Amino acid sequence: MWRDLGTALCLVLVIEGMLPFLSPRSWKAGVRQALALNDRSLRVMGLAAMLCGAGLLYLIR
């Protein structure tokens, strides 16, 4: 179990690092847009991302 969790966290870091590496300008623009959003909008987007991820994980496994 711990090995799977470690693997998943490593993959998250690889995926999260791809956009700033490949297109730093676009990444900066996206961060600026996220900073302009209010807390509620960011929370709703985070919740939606978590639910989509959990749903996809359920379907794959």
PDB file of N, CA and C in Angstrom:
ATOM      1  N   MET A   1       0.815  -1.190   0.000  1.00  0.00           N
ATOM      2  CA  MET A   1       0.000   0.000   0.000  1.00  0.00           C
ATOM      3  C   MET A   1       0.859   1.254   0.000  1.00  0.00           C
ATOM      4  N   TRP A   2       1.883   1.303   0.848  1.00  0.00           N
ATOM      5  CA  TRP A   2       2.738   2.492   0.928  1.00  0.00           C
ATOM      6  C   TRP A   2       3.491   2.709  -0.376  1.00  0.00           C
ATOM      7  N   ARG A   3       3.858   1.611  -1.019  1.00  0.00           N
ATOM      8  CA  ARG A   3       4.565   1.725  -2.286  1.00  0.00           C
ATOM      9  C   ARG A   3       3.660   2.328  -3.356  1.00  0.00           C
ATOM     10  N   ASP A   4       2.400   1.899  -3.383  1.00  0.00           N
ATOM     11  CA  ASP A   4       1.436   2.457  -4.343  1.00  0.00           C
ATOM     12  C   ASP A   4       1.209   3.939  -4.084  1.00  0.00           C
ATOM     13  N   LEU A   5       1.094   4.315  -2.821  1.00  0.00           N
ATOM     14  CA  LEU A   5       0.891   5.719  -2.483  1.00  0.00           C
ATOM     15  C   LEU A   5       2.102   6.556  -2.908  1.00  0.00           C
ATOM     16  N   GLY A   6       3.287   6.044  -2.656  1.00  0.00           N
ATOM     17  CA  GLY A   6       4.502   6.739  -3.077  1.00  0.00           C
ATOM     18  C   GLY A   6       4.582   6.891  -4.585  1.00  0.00           C
ATOM     19  N   THR A   7       4.205   5.829  -5.302  1.00  0.00           N
ATOM     20  CA  THR A   7       4.189   5.886  -6.761  1.00  0.00           C
ATOM     21  C   THR A   7       3.204   6.933  -7.248  1.00  0.00           C
ATOM     22  N   ALA A   8       2.023   6.963  -6.649  1.00  0.00           N
ATOM     23  CA  ALA A   8       1.001   7.940  -7.041  1.00  0.00           C
ATOM     24  C   ALA A   8       1.487   9.361  -6.785  1.00  0.00           C
ATOM     25  N   LEU A   9       2.121   9.601  -5.654  1.00  0.00           N
ATOM     26  CA  LEU A   9       2.619  10.939  -5.343  1.00  0.00           C
ATOM     27  C   LEU A   9       3.727  11.354  -6.314  1.00  0.00           C
ATOM     28  N   CYS A  10       4.582  10.420  -6.684  1.00  0.00           N
ATOM     29  CA  CYS A  10       5.628  10.715  -7.663  1.00  0.00           C
ATOM     30  C   CYS A  10       5.028  11.073  -9.019  1.00  0.00           C
ATOM     31  N   LEU A  11       3.999  10.348  -9.422  1.00  0.00           N
ATOM     32  CA  LEU A  11       3.332  10.657 -10.692  1.00  0.00           C
ATOM     33  C   LEU A  11       2.664  12.028 -10.648  1.00  0.00           C
ATOM     34  N   VAL A  12       2.091  12.389  -9.515  1.00  0.00           N
ATOM     35  CA  VAL A  12       1.493  13.721  -9.366  1.00  0.00           C
ATOM     36  C   VAL A  12       2.561  14.786  -9.576  1.00  0.00           C
ATOM     37  N   LEU A  13       3.732  14.604  -8.967  1.00  0.00           N
ATOM     38  CA  LEU A  13       4.805  15.578  -9.124  1.00  0.00           C
ATOM     39  C   LEU A  13       5.272  15.669 -10.580  1.00  0.00           C
ATOM     40  N   VAL A  14       5.375  14.550 -11.256  1.00  0.00           N
ATOM     41  CA  VAL A  14       5.778  14.566 -12.661  1.00  0.00           C
ATOM     42  C   VAL A  14       4.746  15.315 -13.499  1.00  0.00           C
ATOM     43  N   ILE A  15       3.478  14.993 -13.304  1.00  0.00           N
ATOM     44  CA  ILE A  15       2.411  15.628 -14.089  1.00  0.00           C
ATOM     45  C   ILE A  15       2.309  17.115 -13.767  1.00  0.00           C
ATOM     46  N   GLU A  16       2.401  17.469 -12.492  1.00  0.00           N
ATOM     47  CA  GLU A  16       2.322  18.874 -12.094  1.00  0.00           C
ATOM     48  C   GLU A  16       3.511  19.674 -12.630  1.00  0.00           C
ATOM     49  N   GLY A  17       4.645  19.049 -12.794  1.00  0.00           N
ATOM     50  CA  GLY A  17       5.820  19.755 -13.273  1.00  0.00           C
ATOM     51  C   GLY A  17       5.895  19.900 -14.781  1.00  0.00           C
ATOM     52  N   MET A  18       5.055  19.179 -15.500  1.00  0.00           N
ATOM     53  CA  MET A  18       5.124  19.217 -16.956  1.00  0.00           C
ATOM     54  C   MET A  18       4.758  20.581 -17.533  1.00  0.00           C
ATOM     55  N   LEU A  19       3.685  21.192 -17.074  1.00  0.00           N
ATOM     56  CA  LEU A  19       3.244  22.458 -17.652  1.00  0.00           C
ATOM     57  C   LEU A  19       4.238  23.589 -17.406  1.00  0.00           C
ATOM     58  N   PRO A  20       4.732  23.787 -16.157  1.00  0.00           N
ATOM     59  CA  PRO A  20       5.724  24.853 -15.990  1.00  0.00           C
ATOM     60  C   PRO A  20       7.009  24.601 -16.790  1.00  0.00           C
ATOM     61  N   PHE A  21       7.361  23.340 -16.989  1.00  0.00           N
ATOM     62  CA  PHE A  21       8.555  23.025 -17.773  1.00  0.00           C
ATOM     63  C   PHE A  21       8.337  23.295 -19.260  1.00  0.00           C
ATOM     64  N   LEU A  22       7.185  22.862 -19.776  1.00  0.00           N
ATOM     65  CA  LEU A  22       6.927  22.970 -21.208  1.00  0.00           C
ATOM     66  C   LEU A  22       6.481  24.364 -21.642  1.00  0.00           C
ATOM     67  N   SER A  23       5.712  25.039 -20.793  1.00  0.00           N
ATOM     68  CA  SER A  23       5.160  26.342 -21.170  1.00  0.00           C
ATOM     69  C   SER A  23       5.054  27.251 -19.946  1.00  0.00           C
ATOM     70  N   PRO A  24       6.172  27.820 -19.521  1.00  0.00           N
ATOM     71  CA  PRO A  24       6.155  28.633 -18.297  1.00  0.00           C
ATOM     72  C   PRO A  24       5.259  29.874 -18.397  1.00  0.00           C
ATOM     73  N   ARG A  25       5.184  30.482 -19.572  1.00  0.00           N
ATOM     74  CA  ARG A  25       4.330  31.676 -19.710  1.00  0.00           C
ATOM     75  C   ARG A  25       2.865  31.340 -19.501  1.00  0.00           C
ATOM     76  N   SER A  26       2.418  30.264 -20.133  1.00  0.00           N
ATOM     77  CA  SER A  26       1.023  29.853 -19.972  1.00  0.00           C
ATOM     78  C   SER A  26       0.733  29.472 -18.525  1.00  0.00           C
ATOM     79  N   TRP A  27       1.693  28.818 -17.889  1.00  0.00           N
ATOM     80  CA  TRP A  27       1.524  28.426 -16.490  1.00  0.00           C
ATOM     81  C   TRP A  27       1.390  29.655 -15.599  1.00  0.00           C
ATOM     82  N   LYS A  28       2.234  30.669 -15.827  1.00  0.00           N
ATOM     83  CA  LYS A  28       2.153  31.911 -15.054  1.00  0.00           C
ATOM     84  C   LYS A  28       0.803  32.603 -15.267  1.00  0.00           C
ATOM     85  N   ALA A  29       0.334  32.619 -16.513  1.00  0.00           N
ATOM     86  CA  ALA A  29      -0.964  33.241 -16.793  1.00  0.00           C
ATOM     87  C   ALA A  29      -2.081  32.499 -16.068  1.00  0.00           C
ATOM     88  N   GLY A  30      -2.008  31.187 -16.040  1.00  0.00           N
ATOM     89  CA  GLY A  30      -3.017  30.403 -15.328  1.00  0.00           C
ATOM     90  C   GLY A  30      -2.993  30.662 -13.837  1.00  0.00           C
ATOM     91  N   VAL A  31      -1.797  30.799 -13.274  1.00  0.00           N
ATOM     92  CA  VAL A  31      -1.674  31.099 -11.843  1.00  0.00           C
ATOM     93  C   VAL A  31      -2.253  32.481 -11.551  1.00  0.00           C
ATOM     94  N   ARG A  32      -1.982  33.445 -12.429  1.00  0.00           N
ATOM     95  CA  ARG A  32      -2.553  34.790 -12.232  1.00  0.00           C
ATOM     96  C   ARG A  32      -4.084  34.742 -12.242  1.00  0.00           C
ATOM     97  N   GLN A  33      -4.649  33.958 -13.157  1.00  0.00           N
ATOM     98  CA  GLN A  33      -6.107  33.841 -13.215  1.00  0.00           C
ATOM     99  C   GLN A  33      -6.644  33.170 -11.954  1.00  0.00           C
ATOM    100  N   ALA A  34      -5.949  32.171 -11.458  1.00  0.00           N
ATOM    101  CA  ALA A  34      -6.386  31.492 -10.234  1.00  0.00           C
ATOM    102  C   ALA A  34      -6.329  32.434  -9.039  1.00  0.00           C
ATOM    103  N   LEU A  35      -5.318  33.298  -9.001  1.00  0.00           N
ATOM    104  CA  LEU A  35      -5.209  34.261  -7.907  1.00  0.00           C
ATOM    105  C   LEU A  35      -6.366  35.264  -7.915  1.00  0.00           C
ATOM    106  N   ALA A  36      -6.929  35.512  -9.093  1.00  0.00           N
ATOM    107  CA  ALA A  36      -8.035  36.462  -9.205  1.00  0.00           C
ATOM    108  C   ALA A  36      -9.365  35.861  -8.753  1.00  0.00           C
ATOM    109  N   LEU A  37      -9.458  34.542  -8.656  1.00  0.00           N
ATOM    110  CA  LEU A  37     -10.706  33.894  -8.252  1.00  0.00           C
ATOM    111  C   LEU A  37     -10.916  34.016  -6.747  1.00  0.00           C
ATOM    112  N   ASN A  38     -12.171  34.000  -6.346  1.00  0.00           N
ATOM    113  CA  ASN A  38     -12.442  34.025  -4.908  1.00  0.00           C
ATOM    114  C   ASN A  38     -12.280  32.616  -4.324  1.00  0.00           C
ATOM    115  N   ASP A  39     -12.220  32.545  -3.003  1.00  0.00           N
ATOM    116  CA  ASP A  39     -11.964  31.276  -2.321  1.00  0.00           C
ATOM    117  C   ASP A  39     -13.023  30.221  -2.638  1.00  0.00           C
ATOM    118  N   ARG A  40     -14.265  30.644  -2.712  1.00  0.00           N
ATOM    119  CA  ARG A  40     -15.341  29.678  -2.966  1.00  0.00           C
ATOM    120  C   ARG A  40     -15.186  29.014  -4.330  1.00  0.00           C
ATOM    121  N   SER A  41     -14.855  29.798  -5.329  1.00  0.00           N
ATOM    122  CA  SER A  41     -14.668  29.232  -6.675  1.00  0.00           C
ATOM    123  C   SER A  41     -13.513  28.234  -6.692  1.00  0.00           C
ATOM    124  N   LEU A  42     -12.425  28.573  -6.016  1.00  0.00           N
ATOM    125  CA  LEU A  42     -11.290  27.654  -5.962  1.00  0.00           C
ATOM    126  C   LEU A  42     -11.655  26.365  -5.234  1.00  0.00           C
ATOM    127  N   ARG A  43     -12.437  26.481  -4.164  1.00  0.00           N
ATOM    128  CA  ARG A  43     -12.853  25.282  -3.425  1.00  0.00           C
ATOM    129  C   ARG A  43     -13.751  24.395  -4.272  1.00  0.00           C
ATOM    130  N   VAL A  44     -14.668  25.004  -5.017  1.00  0.00           N
ATOM    131  CA  VAL A  44     -15.563  24.226  -5.880  1.00  0.00           C
ATOM    132  C   VAL A  44     -14.757  23.514  -6.968  1.00  0.00           C
ATOM    133  N   MET A  45     -13.777  24.220  -7.546  1.00  0.00           N
ATOM    134  CA  MET A  45     -12.934  23.594  -8.567  1.00  0.00           C
ATOM    135  C   MET A  45     -12.106  22.463  -7.957  1.00  0.00           C
ATOM    136  N   GLY A  46     -11.596  22.658  -6.749  1.00  0.00           N
ATOM    137  CA  GLY A  46     -10.838  21.603  -6.078  1.00  0.00           C
ATOM    138  C   GLY A  46     -11.694  20.393  -5.777  1.00  0.00           C
ATOM    139  N   LEU A  47     -12.909  20.641  -5.311  1.00  0.00           N
ATOM    140  CA  LEU A  47     -13.836  19.541  -5.031  1.00  0.00           C
ATOM    141  C   LEU A  47     -14.174  18.778  -6.302  1.00  0.00           C
ATOM    142  N   ALA A  48     -14.427  19.516  -7.376  1.00  0.00           N
ATOM    143  CA  ALA A  48     -14.747  18.862  -8.655  1.00  0.00           C
ATOM    144  C   ALA A  48     -13.570  18.003  -9.131  1.00  0.00           C
ATOM    145  N   ALA A  49     -12.358  18.520  -8.988  1.00  0.00           N
ATOM    146  CA  ALA A  49     -11.177  17.756  -9.399  1.00  0.00           C
ATOM    147  C   ALA A  49     -11.025  16.495  -8.554  1.00  0.00           C
ATOM    148  N   MET A  50     -11.237  16.608  -7.239  1.00  0.00           N
ATOM    149  CA  MET A  50     -11.131  15.438  -6.371  1.00  0.00           C
ATOM    150  C   MET A  50     -12.180  14.393  -6.716  1.00  0.00           C
ATOM    151  N   LEU A  51     -13.421  14.819  -6.955  1.00  0.00           N
ATOM    152  CA  LEU A  51     -14.486  13.884  -7.291  1.00  0.00           C
ATOM    153  C   LEU A  51     -14.232  13.203  -8.634  1.00  0.00           C
ATOM    154  N   CYS A  52     -13.757  13.973  -9.612  1.00  0.00           N
ATOM    155  CA  CYS A  52     -13.424  13.373 -10.916  1.00  0.00           C
ATOM    156  C   CYS A  52     -12.291  12.368 -10.766  1.00  0.00           C
ATOM    157  N   GLY A  53     -11.273  12.728 -10.015  1.00  0.00           N
ATOM    158  CA  GLY A  53     -10.154  11.818  -9.804  1.00  0.00           C
ATOM    159  C   GLY A  53     -10.571  10.552  -9.094  1.00  0.00           C
ATOM    160  N   ALA A  54     -11.398  10.681  -8.051  1.00  0.00           N
ATOM    161  CA  ALA A  54     -11.870   9.502  -7.320  1.00  0.00           C
ATOM    162  C   ALA A  54     -12.754   8.635  -8.210  1.00  0.00           C
ATOM    163  N   GLY A  55     -13.598   9.271  -9.010  1.00  0.00           N
ATOM    164  CA  GLY A  55     -14.458   8.513  -9.919  1.00  0.00           C
ATOM    165  C   GLY A  55     -13.662   7.767 -10.977  1.00  0.00           C
ATOM    166  N   LEU A  56     -12.674   8.419 -11.551  1.00  0.00           N
ATOM    167  CA  LEU A  56     -11.836   7.755 -12.546  1.00  0.00           C
ATOM    168  C   LEU A  56     -11.029   6.622 -11.923  1.00  0.00           C
ATOM    169  N   LEU A  57     -10.532   6.843 -10.733  1.00  0.00           N
ATOM    170  CA  LEU A  57      -9.788   5.795 -10.032  1.00  0.00           C
ATOM    171  C   LEU A  57     -10.687   4.589  -9.775  1.00  0.00           C
ATOM    172  N   TYR A  58     -11.924   4.846  -9.387  1.00  0.00           N
ATOM    173  CA  TYR A  58     -12.881   3.755  -9.152  1.00  0.00           C
ATOM    174  C   TYR A  58     -13.130   2.967 -10.433  1.00  0.00           C
ATOM    175  N   LEU A  59     -13.298   3.688 -11.549  1.00  0.00           N
ATOM    176  CA  LEU A  59     -13.546   3.014 -12.833  1.00  0.00           C
ATOM    177  C   LEU A  59     -12.341   2.214 -13.296  1.00  0.00           C
ATOM    178  N   ILE A  60     -11.150   2.749 -13.096  1.00  0.00           N
ATOM    179  CA  ILE A  60      -9.929   2.061 -13.540  1.00  0.00           C
ATOM    180  C   ILE A  60      -9.640   0.833 -12.693  1.00  0.00           C
ATOM    181  N   ARG A  61      -9.833   0.957 -11.394  1.00  0.00           N
ATOM    182  CA  ARG A  61      -9.517  -0.142 -10.472  1.00  0.00           C
ATOM    183  C   ARG A  61     -10.695  -1.098 -10.423  1.00  0.00           C
TER     184      ARG A  61
END
